[in-house]
Amino acid sequence: MAKIPKGLSDKDMLQGYVEQVTMESQFLAAEEAEDKRRRARAGLSKPEKNIALTGFTDELTEELGRKLLELKMELFRDGIRNYTMKIKKEGQSIIIKPVEIKQKADKRSGRR
């Protein structure tokens, strides 16, 4: 076995290396090519991250994030640090409401 010279870049070390073609790599390449063709036919550039977020534009997501940050800052100023967000639908409105989490008292020391 020959020694590997020091100070070579990754590109130089892998020069002349040819990866063996396996059945797995062939199938993966074929699936990827078919996926690209299917997306091109459907007019999709990239896959949706989550179907529940379909229809959310970047601007809408940013605006929602800003409003939630405002709410978090108001809660912090009011001294509420342990809370969870409850989400419910009323008619055609979605309501996000913070609910403070009450800590159970420690029975032994009487602390919260």
C-alpha atoms as a PDB file:
ATOM      1  CA  MET A   1       0.000   0.000   0.000  1.00  0.00           C
ATOM      2  CA  ALA A   2       1.418   3.358  -1.030  1.00  0.00           C
ATOM      3  CA  LYS A   3       1.712   6.266   1.359  1.00  0.00           C
ATOM      4  CA  ILE A   4      -0.623   9.212   0.911  1.00  0.00           C
ATOM      5  CA  PRO A   5       1.344  12.420   0.416  1.00  0.00           C
ATOM      6  CA  LYS A   6       0.677  15.160   2.958  1.00  0.00           C
ATOM      7  CA  GLY A   7      -0.873  18.523   2.126  1.00  0.00           C
ATOM      8  CA  LEU A   8      -3.154  17.374  -0.682  1.00  0.00           C
ATOM      9  CA  SER A   9      -6.605  18.806  -1.142  1.00  0.00           C
ATOM     10  CA  ASP A  10      -9.645  16.544  -1.189  1.00  0.00           C
ATOM     11  CA  LYS A  11      -9.886  17.000  -4.935  1.00  0.00           C
ATOM     12  CA  ASP A  12      -6.257  15.924  -5.408  1.00  0.00           C
ATOM     13  CA  MET A  13      -6.667  12.871  -3.135  1.00  0.00           C
ATOM     14  CA  LEU A  14      -9.724  11.668  -5.045  1.00  0.00           C
ATOM     15  CA  GLN A  15      -8.239  12.333  -8.481  1.00  0.00           C
ATOM     16  CA  GLY A  16      -8.710   9.296 -10.685  1.00  0.00           C
ATOM     17  CA  TYR A  17     -11.186   7.617  -8.318  1.00  0.00           C
ATOM     18  CA  VAL A  18     -14.228   6.164 -10.048  1.00  0.00           C
ATOM     19  CA  GLU A  19     -17.194   5.123  -7.910  1.00  0.00           C
ATOM     20  CA  GLN A  20     -18.518   1.654  -8.547  1.00  0.00           C
ATOM     21  CA  VAL A  21     -22.001   1.610  -9.992  1.00  0.00           C
ATOM     22  CA  THR A  22     -24.298  -0.488  -7.829  1.00  0.00           C
ATOM     23  CA  MET A  23     -27.912  -1.469  -8.269  1.00  0.00           C
ATOM     24  CA  GLU A  24     -28.846   0.829  -5.408  1.00  0.00           C
ATOM     25  CA  SER A  25     -27.196   3.864  -6.988  1.00  0.00           C
ATOM     26  CA  GLN A  26     -28.854   3.059 -10.336  1.00  0.00           C
ATOM     27  CA  PHE A  27     -32.299   2.841  -8.748  1.00  0.00           C
ATOM     28  CA  LEU A  28     -31.766   6.070  -6.774  1.00  0.00           C
ATOM     29  CA  ALA A  29     -30.637   7.905  -9.910  1.00  0.00           C
ATOM     30  CA  ALA A  30     -33.638   6.595 -11.862  1.00  0.00           C
ATOM     31  CA  GLU A  31     -36.052   7.669  -9.080  1.00  0.00           C
ATOM     32  CA  GLU A  32     -34.490  11.120  -8.932  1.00  0.00           C
ATOM     33  CA  ALA A  33     -34.699  11.540 -12.712  1.00  0.00           C
ATOM     34  CA  GLU A  34     -38.349  10.421 -12.743  1.00  0.00           C
ATOM     35  CA  ASP A  35     -39.144  12.809  -9.888  1.00  0.00           C
ATOM     36  CA  LYS A  36     -37.561  15.704 -11.805  1.00  0.00           C
ATOM     37  CA  ARG A  37     -39.543  14.836 -14.958  1.00  0.00           C
ATOM     38  CA  ARG A  38     -42.801  14.549 -12.975  1.00  0.00           C
ATOM     39  CA  ARG A  39     -42.198  17.903 -11.281  1.00  0.00           C
ATOM     40  CA  ALA A  40     -41.357  19.553 -14.597  1.00  0.00           C
ATOM     41  CA  ARG A  41     -44.601  18.241 -16.125  1.00  0.00           C
ATOM     42  CA  ALA A  42     -46.605  19.442 -13.115  1.00  0.00           C
ATOM     43  CA  GLY A  43     -44.888  22.832 -13.086  1.00  0.00           C
ATOM     44  CA  LEU A  44     -43.441  22.416  -9.583  1.00  0.00           C
ATOM     45  CA  SER A  45     -40.006  23.805  -8.899  1.00  0.00           C
ATOM     46  CA  LYS A  46     -39.533  22.386  -5.413  1.00  0.00           C
ATOM     47  CA  PRO A  47     -41.519  20.088  -3.137  1.00  0.00           C
ATOM     48  CA  GLU A  48     -43.891  21.589  -0.581  1.00  0.00           C
ATOM     49  CA  LYS A  49     -42.457  21.486   2.931  1.00  0.00           C
ATOM     50  CA  ASN A  50     -45.726  20.697   4.620  1.00  0.00           C
ATOM     51  CA  ILE A  51     -49.166  20.355   3.109  1.00  0.00           C
ATOM     52  CA  ALA A  52     -50.668  22.220   6.078  1.00  0.00           C
ATOM     53  CA  LEU A  53     -48.665  25.306   5.053  1.00  0.00           C
ATOM     54  CA  THR A  54     -49.908  25.284   1.475  1.00  0.00           C
ATOM     55  CA  GLY A  55     -51.114  28.761   0.570  1.00  0.00           C
ATOM     56  CA  PHE A  56     -48.900  30.504   3.118  1.00  0.00           C
ATOM     57  CA  THR A  57     -46.815  33.016   1.238  1.00  0.00           C
ATOM     58  CA  ASP A  58     -43.458  34.139   2.569  1.00  0.00           C
ATOM     59  CA  GLU A  59     -44.974  37.530   3.402  1.00  0.00           C
ATOM     60  CA  LEU A  60     -47.849  35.978   5.347  1.00  0.00           C
ATOM     61  CA  THR A  61     -45.483  33.711   7.275  1.00  0.00           C
ATOM     62  CA  GLU A  62     -43.250  36.676   8.122  1.00  0.00           C
ATOM     63  CA  GLU A  63     -46.227  38.781   9.290  1.00  0.00           C
ATOM     64  CA  LEU A  64     -47.503  35.946  11.485  1.00  0.00           C
ATOM     65  CA  GLY A  65     -44.029  35.515  12.963  1.00  0.00           C
ATOM     66  CA  ARG A  66     -43.824  39.223  13.792  1.00  0.00           C
ATOM     67  CA  LYS A  67     -47.210  39.203  15.537  1.00  0.00           C
ATOM     68  CA  LEU A  68     -46.276  36.114  17.567  1.00  0.00           C
ATOM     69  CA  LEU A  69     -42.997  37.754  18.580  1.00  0.00           C
ATOM     70  CA  GLU A  70     -44.936  40.847  19.705  1.00  0.00           C
ATOM     71  CA  LEU A  71     -47.211  38.645  21.803  1.00  0.00           C
ATOM     72  CA  LYS A  72     -44.255  36.822  23.360  1.00  0.00           C
ATOM     73  CA  MET A  73     -42.625  40.127  24.293  1.00  0.00           C
ATOM     74  CA  GLU A  74     -45.847  41.379  25.920  1.00  0.00           C
ATOM     75  CA  LEU A  75     -46.132  38.156  27.919  1.00  0.00           C
ATOM     76  CA  PHE A  76     -42.512  38.503  29.051  1.00  0.00           C
ATOM     77  CA  ARG A  77     -43.118  42.103  30.164  1.00  0.00           C
ATOM     78  CA  ASP A  78     -46.162  40.935  32.149  1.00  0.00           C
ATOM     79  CA  GLY A  79     -43.996  38.327  33.902  1.00  0.00           C
ATOM     80  CA  ILE A  80     -45.583  35.323  32.192  1.00  0.00           C
ATOM     81  CA  ARG A  81     -42.784  32.972  31.240  1.00  0.00           C
ATOM     82  CA  ASN A  82     -44.373  29.516  31.381  1.00  0.00           C
ATOM     83  CA  TYR A  83     -47.151  29.314  28.832  1.00  0.00           C
ATOM     84  CA  THR A  84     -48.369  27.347  25.875  1.00  0.00           C
ATOM     85  CA  MET A  85     -50.276  28.462  22.798  1.00  0.00           C
ATOM     86  CA  LYS A  86     -53.794  27.121  22.252  1.00  0.00           C
ATOM     87  CA  ILE A  87     -55.177  27.349  18.740  1.00  0.00           C
ATOM     88  CA  LYS A  88     -58.864  27.130  17.900  1.00  0.00           C
ATOM     89  CA  LYS A  89     -61.146  27.916  14.982  1.00  0.00           C
ATOM     90  CA  GLU A  90     -64.273  29.971  15.462  1.00  0.00           C
ATOM     91  CA  GLY A  91     -66.282  30.373  12.297  1.00  0.00           C
ATOM     92  CA  GLN A  92     -63.893  31.785   9.734  1.00  0.00           C
ATOM     93  CA  SER A  93     -61.363  33.001  12.287  1.00  0.00           C
ATOM     94  CA  ILE A  94     -58.341  31.275  13.775  1.00  0.00           C
ATOM     95  CA  ILE A  95     -57.558  32.290  17.350  1.00  0.00           C
ATOM     96  CA  ILE A  96     -54.143  31.773  18.950  1.00  0.00           C
ATOM     97  CA  LYS A  97     -54.341  32.289  22.693  1.00  0.00           C
ATOM     98  CA  PRO A  98     -51.521  31.991  25.244  1.00  0.00           C
ATOM     99  CA  VAL A  99     -52.417  29.938  28.310  1.00  0.00           C
ATOM    100  CA  GLU A 100     -50.224  30.220  31.390  1.00  0.00           C
ATOM    101  CA  ILE A 101     -48.962  26.916  32.741  1.00  0.00           C
ATOM    102  CA  LYS A 102     -49.440  26.715  36.480  1.00  0.00           C
ATOM    103  CA  GLN A 103     -46.627  24.860  38.225  1.00  0.00           C
ATOM    104  CA  LYS A 104     -47.610  22.255  40.774  1.00  0.00           C
ATOM    105  CA  ALA A 105     -46.456  22.993  44.308  1.00  0.00           C
ATOM    106  CA  ASP A 106     -43.663  20.816  45.626  1.00  0.00           C
ATOM    107  CA  LYS A 107     -45.274  18.800  48.442  1.00  0.00           C
ATOM    108  CA  ARG A 108     -42.130  18.338  50.515  1.00  0.00           C
ATOM    109  CA  SER A 109     -40.813  21.883  50.692  1.00  0.00           C
ATOM    110  CA  GLY A 110     -43.957  23.856  49.944  1.00  0.00           C
ATOM    111  CA  ARG A 111     -42.199  25.562  47.003  1.00  0.00           C
ATOM    112  CA  ARG A 112     -43.559  26.058  43.552  1.00  0.00           C
END
